[in-house]
Amino acid sequence: MAEKMKVSNKFNRKPIIIAAAAIMFILALMLAITVPKQVQAQQLAEQLDLGDKYVSELDYEQASHI
């Protein structure tokens, strides 16, 4: 009887492991999608700030190259 309990415990862990792996995969996928967007937004903000700086200095040549 004790042997049957050990065997059934191993099979009960399998769905939990599969669910945990699926959750980790989904989290990794979400990070892979959101992190590049944040980096792009930060780069855009830096470029806009640099363009504003050149325009305020009346350096239109440099501002047009951004």
N, C-alpha and C. Protein backbone atom coordinates (compact mmCIF):
# COMPACT_ATOMS: atom_id res chain seq x y z
N MET A 1 0.82 -1.19 0.00
CA MET A 1 0.00 0.00 0.00
C MET A 1 0.87 1.26 0.00
N ALA A 2 1.95 1.23 0.77
CA ALA A 2 2.85 2.38 0.83
C ALA A 2 3.52 2.63 -0.51
N GLU A 3 3.81 1.57 -1.26
CA GLU A 3 4.42 1.72 -2.57
C GLU A 3 3.49 2.43 -3.54
N LYS A 4 2.22 2.14 -3.46
CA LYS A 4 1.25 2.80 -4.35
C LYS A 4 1.20 4.30 -4.05
N MET A 5 1.32 4.69 -2.80
CA MET A 5 1.29 6.10 -2.43
C MET A 5 2.51 6.83 -3.00
N LYS A 6 3.68 6.18 -2.98
CA LYS A 6 4.89 6.80 -3.52
C LYS A 6 4.75 7.01 -5.02
N VAL A 7 4.24 6.05 -5.71
CA VAL A 7 4.07 6.15 -7.15
C VAL A 7 3.08 7.25 -7.51
N SER A 8 1.98 7.34 -6.79
CA SER A 8 0.97 8.35 -7.11
C SER A 8 1.48 9.75 -6.79
N ASN A 9 2.34 9.92 -5.80
CA ASN A 9 2.91 11.23 -5.50
C ASN A 9 3.79 11.72 -6.64
N LYS A 10 4.53 10.83 -7.28
CA LYS A 10 5.36 11.23 -8.42
C LYS A 10 4.49 11.73 -9.57
N PHE A 11 3.39 11.09 -9.81
CA PHE A 11 2.53 11.50 -10.91
C PHE A 11 1.79 12.79 -10.59
N ASN A 12 1.55 13.08 -9.34
CA ASN A 12 0.88 14.32 -8.96
C ASN A 12 1.78 15.54 -9.14
N ARG A 13 3.08 15.35 -9.12
CA ARG A 13 4.03 16.46 -9.28
C ARG A 13 4.17 16.90 -10.73
N LYS A 14 3.93 16.02 -11.64
CA LYS A 14 4.13 16.31 -13.06
C LYS A 14 3.29 17.50 -13.53
N PRO A 15 1.99 17.58 -13.24
CA PRO A 15 1.22 18.75 -13.68
C PRO A 15 1.71 20.06 -13.05
N ILE A 16 2.19 19.96 -11.80
CA ILE A 16 2.69 21.16 -11.13
C ILE A 16 3.96 21.64 -11.82
N ILE A 17 4.84 20.72 -12.17
CA ILE A 17 6.08 21.09 -12.85
C ILE A 17 5.77 21.67 -14.22
N ILE A 18 4.84 21.08 -14.94
CA ILE A 18 4.45 21.59 -16.26
C ILE A 18 3.85 22.98 -16.14
N ALA A 19 3.00 23.19 -15.15
CA ALA A 19 2.39 24.51 -14.95
C ALA A 19 3.44 25.55 -14.58
N ALA A 20 4.38 25.19 -13.73
CA ALA A 20 5.45 26.12 -13.34
C ALA A 20 6.31 26.47 -14.55
N ALA A 21 6.62 25.49 -15.38
CA ALA A 21 7.42 25.75 -16.57
C ALA A 21 6.66 26.66 -17.54
N ALA A 22 5.38 26.45 -17.67
CA ALA A 22 4.56 27.29 -18.56
C ALA A 22 4.52 28.73 -18.05
N ILE A 23 4.38 28.89 -16.75
CA ILE A 23 4.35 30.24 -16.17
C ILE A 23 5.69 30.93 -16.39
N MET A 24 6.79 30.21 -16.18
CA MET A 24 8.11 30.79 -16.40
C MET A 24 8.31 31.18 -17.86
N PHE A 25 7.83 30.35 -18.77
CA PHE A 25 7.92 30.66 -20.20
C PHE A 25 7.14 31.93 -20.54
N ILE A 26 5.94 32.04 -20.00
CA ILE A 26 5.10 33.21 -20.26
C ILE A 26 5.75 34.47 -19.70
N LEU A 27 6.32 34.39 -18.51
CA LEU A 27 7.00 35.55 -17.92
C LEU A 27 8.22 35.95 -18.75
N ALA A 28 8.98 34.98 -19.21
CA ALA A 28 10.15 35.28 -20.05
C ALA A 28 9.71 35.93 -21.36
N LEU A 29 8.63 35.45 -21.92
CA LEU A 29 8.11 36.03 -23.16
C LEU A 29 7.65 37.47 -22.96
N MET A 30 6.99 37.72 -21.84
CA MET A 30 6.54 39.08 -21.53
C MET A 30 7.73 40.02 -21.37
N LEU A 31 8.77 39.56 -20.70
CA LEU A 31 9.97 40.38 -20.54
C LEU A 31 10.63 40.65 -21.89
N ALA A 32 10.67 39.64 -22.74
CA ALA A 32 11.29 39.80 -24.05
C ALA A 32 10.53 40.81 -24.91
N ILE A 33 9.26 40.98 -24.66
CA ILE A 33 8.46 41.93 -25.43
C ILE A 33 8.55 43.34 -24.85
N THR A 34 8.48 43.46 -23.53
CA THR A 34 8.39 44.79 -22.91
C THR A 34 9.73 45.49 -22.76
N VAL A 35 10.79 44.77 -22.51
CA VAL A 35 12.09 45.41 -22.28
C VAL A 35 12.57 46.16 -23.52
N PRO A 36 12.53 45.58 -24.72
CA PRO A 36 12.98 46.35 -25.88
C PRO A 36 12.13 47.61 -26.12
N LYS A 37 10.85 47.56 -25.82
CA LYS A 37 10.01 48.74 -26.00
C LYS A 37 10.44 49.85 -25.05
N GLN A 38 10.81 49.49 -23.82
CA GLN A 38 11.27 50.48 -22.86
C GLN A 38 12.58 51.10 -23.31
N VAL A 39 13.46 50.29 -23.87
CA VAL A 39 14.75 50.79 -24.36
C VAL A 39 14.51 51.74 -25.53
N GLN A 40 13.63 51.39 -26.44
CA GLN A 40 13.32 52.25 -27.58
C GLN A 40 12.73 53.56 -27.11
N ALA A 41 11.87 53.54 -26.13
CA ALA A 41 11.25 54.76 -25.61
C ALA A 41 12.31 55.65 -24.97
N GLN A 42 13.24 55.04 -24.27
CA GLN A 42 14.31 55.82 -23.63
C GLN A 42 15.21 56.45 -24.69
N GLN A 43 15.55 55.72 -25.73
CA GLN A 43 16.38 56.26 -26.80
C GLN A 43 15.66 57.40 -27.52
N LEU A 44 14.38 57.26 -27.74
CA LEU A 44 13.61 58.32 -28.38
C LEU A 44 13.60 59.57 -27.52
N ALA A 45 13.42 59.41 -26.23
CA ALA A 45 13.42 60.56 -25.32
C ALA A 45 14.78 61.27 -25.34
N GLU A 46 15.86 60.49 -25.38
CA GLU A 46 17.20 61.08 -25.43
C GLU A 46 17.39 61.87 -26.73
N GLN A 47 16.93 61.31 -27.83
CA GLN A 47 17.07 61.99 -29.12
C GLN A 47 16.24 63.27 -29.15
N LEU A 48 15.05 63.23 -28.60
CA LEU A 48 14.22 64.44 -28.56
C LEU A 48 14.86 65.52 -27.68
N ASP A 49 15.43 65.12 -26.55
CA ASP A 49 16.11 66.08 -25.68
C ASP A 49 17.31 66.70 -26.40
N LEU A 50 18.05 65.88 -27.12
CA LEU A 50 19.21 66.39 -27.86
C LEU A 50 18.76 67.34 -28.96
N GLY A 51 17.68 67.01 -29.66
CA GLY A 51 17.13 67.90 -30.68
C GLY A 51 16.67 69.23 -30.10
N ASP A 52 16.03 69.18 -28.95
CA ASP A 52 15.60 70.41 -28.27
C ASP A 52 16.81 71.26 -27.89
N LYS A 53 17.87 70.62 -27.44
CA LYS A 53 19.08 71.35 -27.07
C LYS A 53 19.64 72.09 -28.27
N TYR A 54 19.76 71.39 -29.40
CA TYR A 54 20.31 72.03 -30.60
C TYR A 54 19.42 73.16 -31.10
N VAL A 55 18.13 72.98 -31.04
CA VAL A 55 17.21 74.04 -31.50
C VAL A 55 17.31 75.24 -30.57
N SER A 56 17.41 75.01 -29.27
CA SER A 56 17.52 76.13 -28.34
C SER A 56 18.84 76.89 -28.52
N GLU A 57 19.87 76.19 -28.99
CA GLU A 57 21.16 76.84 -29.26
C GLU A 57 21.21 77.41 -30.68
N LEU A 58 20.11 77.31 -31.40
CA LEU A 58 19.99 77.76 -32.80
C LEU A 58 20.98 77.05 -33.72
N ASP A 59 21.32 75.82 -33.38
CA ASP A 59 22.20 75.00 -34.20
C ASP A 59 21.33 74.06 -35.03
N TYR A 60 20.70 74.63 -36.02
CA TYR A 60 19.71 73.88 -36.82
C TYR A 60 20.35 72.77 -37.66
N GLU A 61 21.62 72.96 -38.03
CA GLU A 61 22.32 71.94 -38.80
C GLU A 61 22.42 70.63 -38.00
N GLN A 62 22.88 70.74 -36.76
CA GLN A 62 22.99 69.55 -35.90
C GLN A 62 21.60 68.98 -35.58
N ALA A 63 20.63 69.84 -35.36
CA ALA A 63 19.29 69.39 -35.02
C ALA A 63 18.68 68.60 -36.16
N SER A 64 19.02 68.92 -37.40
CA SER A 64 18.44 68.22 -38.54
C SER A 64 19.06 66.85 -38.77
N HIS A 65 20.21 66.59 -38.16
CA HIS A 65 20.88 65.29 -38.34
C HIS A 65 20.45 64.25 -37.33
N ILE A 66 19.57 64.60 -36.44
CA ILE A 66 19.14 63.65 -35.42
C ILE A 66 18.06 62.74 -35.95
